[in-house]
Protein backbone atom coordinates (compact mmCIF):
# COMPACT_ATOMS: atom_id res chain seq x y z
CA UNK A 1 0.03 0.01 0.02
CA UNK A 2 3.11 2.32 0.37
CA UNK A 3 3.41 2.91 -3.34
CA UNK A 4 -0.26 4.05 -3.93
CA UNK A 5 -0.19 6.27 -0.87
CA UNK A 6 3.20 7.88 -2.14
CA UNK A 7 1.81 8.50 -5.55
CA UNK A 8 -1.28 10.16 -4.18
CA UNK A 9 0.63 12.23 -1.72
CA UNK A 10 3.03 13.37 -4.41
CA UNK A 11 0.21 14.23 -6.73
CA UNK A 12 -1.26 16.57 -4.10
CA UNK A 13 2.25 18.02 -3.54
CA UNK A 14 2.65 18.99 -7.26
CA UNK A 15 -0.89 20.52 -7.47
CA UNK A 16 -0.37 22.43 -4.32
CA UNK A 17 3.06 23.65 -5.30
CA UNK A 18 1.71 25.08 -8.51
CA UNK A 19 -1.11 26.68 -6.56
CA UNK A 20 1.30 28.36 -4.16
CA UNK A 21 4.08 29.06 -6.62
CA UNK A 22 3.00 32.30 -8.27
CA UNK A 23 2.72 34.39 -5.13
CA UNK A 24 6.44 34.23 -4.09
CA UNK A 25 7.77 34.50 -7.59
CA UNK A 26 5.27 37.07 -9.02
CA UNK A 27 7.99 39.86 -9.28
CA UNK A 28 10.19 37.86 -11.31
CA UNK A 29 7.39 36.62 -13.51
CA UNK A 30 6.14 40.18 -14.04
CA UNK A 31 9.59 41.40 -14.93
CA UNK A 32 10.10 38.74 -17.62
CA UNK A 33 6.66 39.00 -19.13
CA UNK A 34 6.73 42.95 -18.81
CA UNK A 35 3.45 42.89 -16.96
CA UNK A 36 2.16 44.33 -13.78
CA UNK A 37 1.97 42.26 -10.64
CA UNK A 38 -1.81 42.62 -10.71
CA UNK A 39 -1.90 41.27 -14.32
CA UNK A 40 0.31 38.25 -13.38
CA UNK A 41 -1.90 37.50 -10.34
CA UNK A 42 -4.93 37.19 -12.63
CA UNK A 43 -3.33 33.90 -13.62
CA UNK A 44 -4.04 32.76 -10.09
CA UNK A 45 -7.60 33.79 -10.49
CA UNK A 46 -7.85 31.72 -13.75
CA UNK A 47 -6.39 28.67 -12.04
CA UNK A 48 -9.08 29.00 -9.22
CA UNK A 49 -11.96 29.28 -11.76
CA UNK A 50 -10.54 26.13 -13.61
CA UNK A 51 -10.46 24.19 -10.46
CA UNK A 52 -14.04 25.04 -9.53
CA UNK A 53 -15.34 24.39 -13.08
CA UNK A 54 -13.59 20.96 -13.36
CA UNK A 55 -14.59 19.97 -9.94
CA UNK A 56 -18.25 20.51 -10.64
CA UNK A 57 -18.18 19.22 -14.28
CA UNK A 58 -15.23 16.80 -14.74
CA UNK A 59 -15.02 15.00 -11.33
CA UNK A 60 -18.39 13.01 -11.77
CA UNK A 61 -16.55 11.29 -14.75
CA UNK A 62 -14.71 9.20 -12.05
CA UNK A 63 -18.01 7.45 -11.39
CA UNK A 64 -18.16 6.36 -14.93
CA UNK A 65 -14.59 5.63 -15.94
CA UNK A 66 -13.01 5.05 -12.57
CA UNK A 67 -11.05 7.33 -10.28
CA UNK A 68 -7.62 5.77 -11.24
CA UNK A 69 -8.13 6.60 -14.90
CA UNK A 70 -9.38 10.08 -14.40
CA UNK A 71 -6.36 10.81 -12.14
CA UNK A 72 -4.00 9.77 -15.00
CA UNK A 73 -5.73 11.87 -17.53
CA UNK A 74 -5.60 14.79 -15.14
CA UNK A 75 -1.89 14.35 -14.44
CA UNK A 76 -1.17 14.45 -18.21
CA UNK A 77 -3.25 17.62 -18.53
CA UNK A 78 -1.56 19.10 -15.55
CA UNK A 79 2.03 18.24 -17.13
CA UNK A 80 0.92 20.08 -20.29
CA UNK A 81 -0.47 23.11 -18.42
CA UNK A 82 2.74 23.35 -16.40
CA UNK A 83 4.91 23.06 -19.43
CA UNK A 84 2.75 25.85 -21.21
CA UNK A 85 3.26 28.07 -18.02
CA UNK A 86 7.11 27.55 -18.41
CA UNK A 87 6.98 28.62 -22.00
CA UNK A 88 4.56 31.44 -21.65
CA UNK A 89 5.67 34.46 -23.80
CA UNK A 90 3.07 36.95 -22.23
CA UNK A 91 0.66 37.12 -19.44
CA UNK A 92 -2.34 36.07 -21.39
CA UNK A 93 -0.61 32.79 -22.33
CA UNK A 94 0.16 32.24 -18.78
CA UNK A 95 -3.40 32.87 -17.71
CA UNK A 96 -4.58 30.34 -20.24
CA UNK A 97 -1.94 27.83 -19.03
CA UNK A 98 -2.85 28.16 -15.41
CA UNK A 99 -6.62 27.72 -16.39
CA UNK A 100 -5.59 24.45 -17.88
CA UNK A 101 -3.76 23.46 -14.64
CA UNK A 102 -6.87 24.40 -12.81
CA UNK A 103 -9.05 21.99 -14.80
CA UNK A 104 -6.51 19.26 -14.27
CA UNK A 105 -6.46 19.94 -10.43
CA UNK A 106 -10.11 20.14 -10.20
CA UNK A 107 -10.44 16.63 -11.81
CA UNK A 108 -7.44 15.27 -9.95
CA UNK A 109 -8.20 16.35 -6.25
CA UNK A 110 -11.50 14.58 -6.02
CA UNK A 111 -9.97 11.49 -7.59
CA UNK A 112 -7.09 11.50 -5.05
CA UNK A 113 -9.40 11.73 -2.12
CA UNK A 114 -11.59 8.97 -3.59
CA UNK A 115 -8.62 6.66 -4.12
CA UNK A 116 -7.38 7.25 -0.64
CA UNK A 117 -10.56 5.93 0.83
CA UNK A 118 -10.73 2.99 -1.62
CA UNK A 119 -7.18 1.72 -0.99
CA UNK A 120 -7.47 2.15 2.88
CA UNK A 121 -7.82 -1.09 4.76
CA UNK A 122 -11.02 -1.29 6.89
CA UNK A 123 -10.65 0.60 10.06
CA UNK A 124 -7.59 2.60 8.96
CA UNK A 125 -9.36 5.13 6.52
CA UNK A 126 -8.40 8.12 8.59
CA UNK A 127 -4.74 7.05 8.89
CA UNK A 128 -4.41 6.50 5.14
CA UNK A 129 -6.14 9.70 4.20
CA UNK A 130 -3.93 11.47 6.72
CA UNK A 131 -0.74 10.17 4.87
CA UNK A 132 -2.19 11.47 1.64
CA UNK A 133 -3.19 14.98 2.95
CA UNK A 134 0.48 15.27 4.05
CA UNK A 135 1.15 16.12 0.43
CA UNK A 136 -0.25 19.60 1.29
CA UNK A 137 2.69 19.90 3.87
CA UNK A 138 5.03 18.96 1.01
CA UNK A 139 3.41 21.60 -1.34
CA UNK A 140 3.50 24.31 1.43
CA UNK A 141 7.19 23.87 2.31
CA UNK A 142 8.18 23.66 -1.46
CA UNK A 143 5.84 26.01 -2.67
CA UNK A 144 6.68 28.83 -0.16
CA UNK A 145 10.30 28.27 0.48
CA UNK A 146 12.11 26.13 -2.04
CA UNK A 147 10.41 27.72 -5.20
CA UNK A 148 11.61 31.14 -4.21
CA UNK A 149 15.15 29.90 -3.89
CA UNK A 150 14.99 27.93 -7.00
CA UNK A 151 13.67 31.05 -8.89
CA UNK A 152 16.70 33.03 -7.70
CA UNK A 153 19.04 30.28 -8.83
CA UNK A 154 17.43 29.04 -12.18
CA UNK A 155 14.57 31.20 -12.95
CA UNK A 156 10.72 30.81 -12.56
CA UNK A 157 10.58 28.99 -15.95
CA UNK A 158 12.77 26.25 -14.75
CA UNK A 159 10.66 25.77 -11.66
CA UNK A 160 7.48 25.33 -13.75
CA UNK A 161 9.35 23.00 -16.16
CA UNK A 162 10.40 20.90 -13.17
CA UNK A 163 7.03 20.52 -11.95
CA UNK A 164 5.83 19.45 -15.26
CA UNK A 165 8.39 16.74 -15.25
CA UNK A 166 7.31 15.61 -11.98
CA UNK A 167 3.66 15.46 -13.11
CA UNK A 168 4.79 13.35 -16.07
CA UNK A 169 6.64 10.94 -13.73
CA UNK A 170 3.51 10.49 -11.51
CA UNK A 171 1.32 10.00 -14.73
CA UNK A 172 3.55 6.92 -15.49
CA UNK A 173 3.57 5.84 -11.83
CA UNK A 174 -0.11 6.12 -11.60
CA UNK A 175 -0.63 3.19 -13.95
CA UNK A 176 -0.68 1.02 -10.95
CA UNK A 177 -3.86 2.91 -9.76
CA UNK A 178 -5.75 2.36 -12.92
CA UNK A 179 -7.85 -0.51 -11.37
CA UNK A 180 -8.43 1.20 -8.23
CA UNK A 181 -11.65 3.16 -7.76
CA UNK A 182 -13.37 1.22 -10.49
CA UNK A 183 -16.34 2.75 -12.27
CA UNK A 184 -19.71 2.28 -10.64
CA UNK A 185 -21.44 2.48 -14.01
CA UNK A 186 -23.78 4.93 -12.60
CA UNK A 187 -24.49 8.21 -14.32
CA UNK A 188 -23.89 10.97 -11.74
CA UNK A 189 -23.83 14.71 -11.82
CA UNK A 190 -23.77 17.46 -9.15
CA UNK A 191 -27.60 17.36 -9.14
CA UNK A 192 -27.58 13.64 -8.23
CA UNK A 193 -24.90 14.22 -5.63
CA UNK A 194 -26.93 17.03 -4.07
CA UNK A 195 -29.79 14.44 -3.34
CA UNK A 196 -27.59 12.10 -1.27
CA UNK A 197 -28.74 11.99 2.39
CA UNK A 198 -26.30 13.92 4.54
CA UNK A 199 -24.57 15.75 1.84
CA UNK A 200 -26.00 19.27 2.93
CA UNK A 201 -24.53 18.91 6.32
CA UNK A 202 -21.11 17.60 4.92
CA UNK A 203 -20.78 20.63 2.56
CA UNK A 204 -21.91 23.06 5.34
CA UNK A 205 -19.03 21.70 7.49
CA UNK A 206 -16.63 21.97 4.45
CA UNK A 207 -17.76 25.58 3.96
CA UNK A 208 -17.32 26.55 7.56
CA UNK A 209 -13.84 24.95 7.92
CA UNK A 210 -12.52 26.38 4.56
CA UNK A 211 -13.85 29.81 4.84
CA UNK A 212 -12.63 30.11 8.28
CA UNK A 213 -9.24 29.11 7.35
CA UNK A 214 -8.77 31.29 4.34
CA UNK A 215 -10.37 34.27 6.04
CA UNK A 216 -7.41 34.40 8.48
CA UNK A 217 -4.67 32.80 6.38
CA UNK A 218 -4.80 35.32 3.53
CA UNK A 219 -4.09 38.27 5.96
CA UNK A 220 -1.31 36.71 8.10
CA UNK A 221 1.44 38.05 5.68
CA UNK A 222 0.02 41.56 5.59
CA UNK A 223 -0.13 41.57 9.44
CA UNK A 224 3.37 40.49 9.98
CA UNK A 225 4.88 42.93 7.42
CA UNK A 226 2.65 45.81 7.93
CA UNK A 227 1.44 45.73 11.55
CA UNK A 228 4.55 44.01 13.19
CA UNK A 229 6.96 45.60 10.64
CA UNK A 230 8.82 42.28 9.86
CA UNK A 231 10.30 41.26 6.57
CA UNK A 232 8.56 39.27 3.75
CA UNK A 233 11.02 36.38 4.56
CA UNK A 234 9.79 36.38 8.27
CA UNK A 235 6.21 36.61 6.92
CA UNK A 236 6.92 33.30 4.88
CA UNK A 237 7.87 31.47 8.10
CA UNK A 238 4.21 31.45 9.30
CA UNK A 239 2.99 29.01 6.44
CA UNK A 240 6.16 27.01 6.86
CA UNK A 241 5.42 26.39 10.69
CA UNK A 242 1.79 25.86 9.83
CA UNK A 243 2.85 23.12 7.27
CA UNK A 244 5.06 21.52 9.82
CA UNK A 245 2.00 21.21 12.14
CA UNK A 246 -0.12 19.96 9.39
CA UNK A 247 2.43 17.19 8.58
CA UNK A 248 2.82 16.28 12.32
CA UNK A 249 -0.81 15.62 12.65
CA UNK A 250 -0.26 12.38 10.64
CA UNK A 251 0.94 10.82 13.98
CA UNK A 252 -2.63 11.53 15.41
CA UNK A 253 -4.70 10.27 12.53
CA UNK A 254 -4.96 6.67 13.80
CA UNK A 255 -6.81 8.15 16.94
CA UNK A 256 -9.39 9.36 14.68
CA UNK A 257 -10.09 5.78 13.50
CA UNK A 258 -10.35 4.59 17.05
CA UNK A 259 -12.65 7.37 18.16
CA UNK A 260 -14.90 7.23 15.02
CA UNK A 261 -16.23 10.17 13.07
CA UNK A 262 -19.15 11.03 15.24
CA UNK A 263 -17.16 11.16 18.48
CA UNK A 264 -13.97 12.85 17.11
CA UNK A 265 -15.41 15.69 15.00
CA UNK A 266 -16.84 18.09 17.71
CA UNK A 267 -13.66 18.15 19.82
CA UNK A 268 -11.39 18.52 16.82
CA UNK A 269 -13.33 21.58 15.57
CA UNK A 270 -13.18 22.86 19.16
CA UNK A 271 -9.53 22.63 18.91
CA UNK A 272 -9.53 24.49 15.53
CA UNK A 273 -11.59 27.26 17.50
CA UNK A 274 -9.14 27.33 20.45
CA UNK A 275 -6.24 27.84 18.04
CA UNK A 276 -7.84 30.83 16.43
CA UNK A 277 -8.72 32.27 19.81
CA UNK A 278 -5.20 31.87 21.16
CA UNK A 279 -3.60 33.42 18.00
CA UNK A 280 -6.12 36.23 18.34
CA UNK A 281 -4.81 36.88 21.85
CA UNK A 282 -1.09 36.76 20.97
CA UNK A 283 -1.51 38.14 17.36
CA UNK A 284 1.09 40.98 18.18
CA UNK A 285 3.69 38.56 19.54
CA UNK A 286 5.56 37.27 16.41
CA UNK A 287 7.30 34.26 18.03
CA UNK A 288 4.17 33.06 19.81
CA UNK A 289 2.12 33.48 16.48
CA UNK A 290 4.62 31.27 14.80
CA UNK A 291 4.44 28.68 17.63
CA UNK A 292 0.65 28.71 17.59
CA UNK A 293 0.72 28.23 13.79
CA UNK A 294 2.01 24.71 14.43
CA UNK A 295 -1.02 23.97 16.58
CA UNK A 296 -3.29 25.54 13.93
CA UNK A 297 -1.85 23.20 11.37
CA UNK A 298 -2.30 20.17 13.56
CA UNK A 299 -5.94 20.94 14.14
CA UNK A 300 -6.79 21.96 10.58
CA UNK A 301 -5.31 18.70 9.28
CA UNK A 302 -7.52 16.65 11.61
CA UNK A 303 -10.54 18.59 10.75
CA UNK A 304 -9.89 18.26 7.07
CA UNK A 305 -9.40 14.57 7.48
CA UNK A 306 -12.74 14.18 9.25
CA UNK A 307 -14.64 16.33 6.66
CA UNK A 308 -13.13 14.60 3.61
CA UNK A 309 -14.06 11.05 5.42
CA UNK A 310 -17.53 12.30 6.18
CA UNK A 311 -18.50 13.26 2.50
CA UNK A 312 -16.71 10.43 0.76
CA UNK A 313 -18.59 7.71 2.87
CA UNK A 314 -22.12 9.01 2.07
CA UNK A 315 -22.53 7.13 -1.16
CA UNK A 316 -19.63 5.14 -2.62
CA UNK A 317 -21.42 4.97 -6.06
CA UNK A 318 -21.19 8.77 -6.34
CA UNK A 319 -17.87 9.54 -4.74
CA UNK A 320 -16.64 11.30 -7.81
CA UNK A 321 -19.61 13.75 -7.98
CA UNK A 322 -19.59 14.21 -4.33
CA UNK A 323 -15.99 15.07 -4.15
CA UNK A 324 -16.46 17.39 -6.99
CA UNK A 325 -18.98 19.27 -4.91
CA UNK A 326 -16.38 19.28 -2.03
CA UNK A 327 -13.85 20.91 -4.23
CA UNK A 328 -16.26 23.39 -5.68
CA UNK A 329 -17.33 24.50 -2.17
CA UNK A 330 -13.68 24.81 -1.10
CA UNK A 331 -12.64 26.99 -4.11
CA UNK A 332 -15.72 29.10 -3.69
CA UNK A 333 -14.56 29.76 -0.06
CA UNK A 334 -11.12 30.63 -1.48
CA UNK A 335 -12.82 33.20 -3.68
CA UNK A 336 -15.09 34.57 -0.83
CA UNK A 337 -12.56 34.68 1.94
CA UNK A 338 -10.68 37.92 0.80
CA UNK A 339 -13.97 39.66 0.94
CA UNK A 340 -15.11 38.17 4.35
CA UNK A 341 -11.83 38.71 5.77
CA UNK A 342 -11.09 42.25 4.48
CA UNK A 343 -13.84 43.92 6.35
CA UNK A 344 -12.70 42.34 9.59
CA UNK A 345 -8.93 43.15 8.87
CA UNK A 346 -9.74 46.74 8.05
CA UNK A 347 -11.53 47.29 11.29
CA UNK A 348 -9.61 45.09 13.87
CA UNK A 349 -6.57 43.83 11.97
CA UNK A 350 -5.63 40.10 12.02
CA UNK A 351 -7.28 39.62 15.43
CA UNK A 352 -10.68 40.62 13.66
CA UNK A 353 -10.11 37.93 11.03
CA UNK A 354 -9.22 35.39 13.61
CA UNK A 355 -12.29 36.19 15.54
CA UNK A 356 -14.57 35.56 12.48
CA UNK A 357 -12.72 32.28 11.90
CA UNK A 358 -13.19 31.14 15.48
CA UNK A 359 -16.86 31.91 15.17
CA UNK A 360 -17.16 29.85 11.93
CA UNK A 361 -15.29 26.98 13.50
CA UNK A 362 -17.43 26.94 16.62
CA UNK A 363 -20.54 26.81 14.28
CA UNK A 364 -18.93 23.83 12.70
CA UNK A 365 -18.41 22.09 16.23
CA UNK A 366 -22.05 22.64 17.02
CA UNK A 367 -23.23 21.34 13.63
CA UNK A 368 -21.09 18.16 14.28
CA UNK A 369 -22.91 17.33 17.45
CA UNK A 370 -25.83 16.28 15.21
CA UNK A 371 -23.68 13.41 14.02
CA UNK A 372 -23.91 11.67 17.34
CA UNK A 373 -27.73 12.12 17.39
CA UNK A 374 -27.85 10.51 13.95
CA UNK A 375 -25.81 7.52 15.29
CA UNK A 376 -22.91 7.56 12.76
CA UNK A 377 -20.88 4.48 13.02
CA UNK A 378 -17.11 4.46 13.55
CA UNK A 379 -16.44 4.16 9.85
CA UNK A 380 -18.66 7.16 9.09
CA UNK A 381 -21.69 5.50 7.69
CA UNK A 382 -25.10 5.90 9.15
CA UNK A 383 -25.86 3.24 11.73
């Protein structure tokens, strides 16, 4: 089982690295393409729209052709999009290339989460999913830290080219996953997935978790550089510390399997709430803020694990369509978070953003209490 887990974790790592890459290298890209920073960052918007569209429209294909086959096709498309990004002669080409990468990511991520649950032995679903989710730690460390260094060393085009090569290698390696996540033969769509019992609560929990996270995360850099007066490099340490915590949480994932979905979800979301409140109290203490980012990463990993497990187990025959809805909700939250957090940041700084995030997480904890009343079994299925 190690090889499939490594393939899935690495696939998330490449997807995440691309999504995080543009921000630290935007100045170098804008100088090369003779465009403004704002114009270059529109490529990130094109990527996000591509993810949301593919998650809604392409992800249900996994239920017809199999999650393994869809993942391979998505990795090939991702490699092409990354290669096109490396070769971009102007900003419009880059936007189109990143839109292609978004389409690939929107099809790949639901397939990856589906395959993680398919290959996991009975009773170890949370542990296996946790290993796969650790790919986000890889992408955060590489995307925020190594990519900036590599850009100074070899240029941003070489970084995109290297990511394209990794995606091609994973496409070849994913041949071993073609039989996993076999097609159900059932015609699915976002509309059929929305009729699955329990999907509304699962998507609500997803929205509360993701909107809470991005409403604060997007403003941590501005807080550290503007309010605290630190450098951009120091601001980049917070996502690094968060990523370390996110990765360390793998050690706690087996505990989720033992507790079960219904018992574990409320206290985990309370942990997320506590991390926001603690950061709100010590938002002006840089070193404490970095230390608390580790706790934030641990709690966020566990919460994401539980939310993904909750929605994937609702209807195994429609996992592709369901995970497409999950990814669509996630990226709608990415789109909405700057507007949600901006008002709070303008009035109360990062502490205001963290207060909003804490409120959203507390609401998720309250919603999760209903799982115990519905008698959800340890594996997440209705009893």
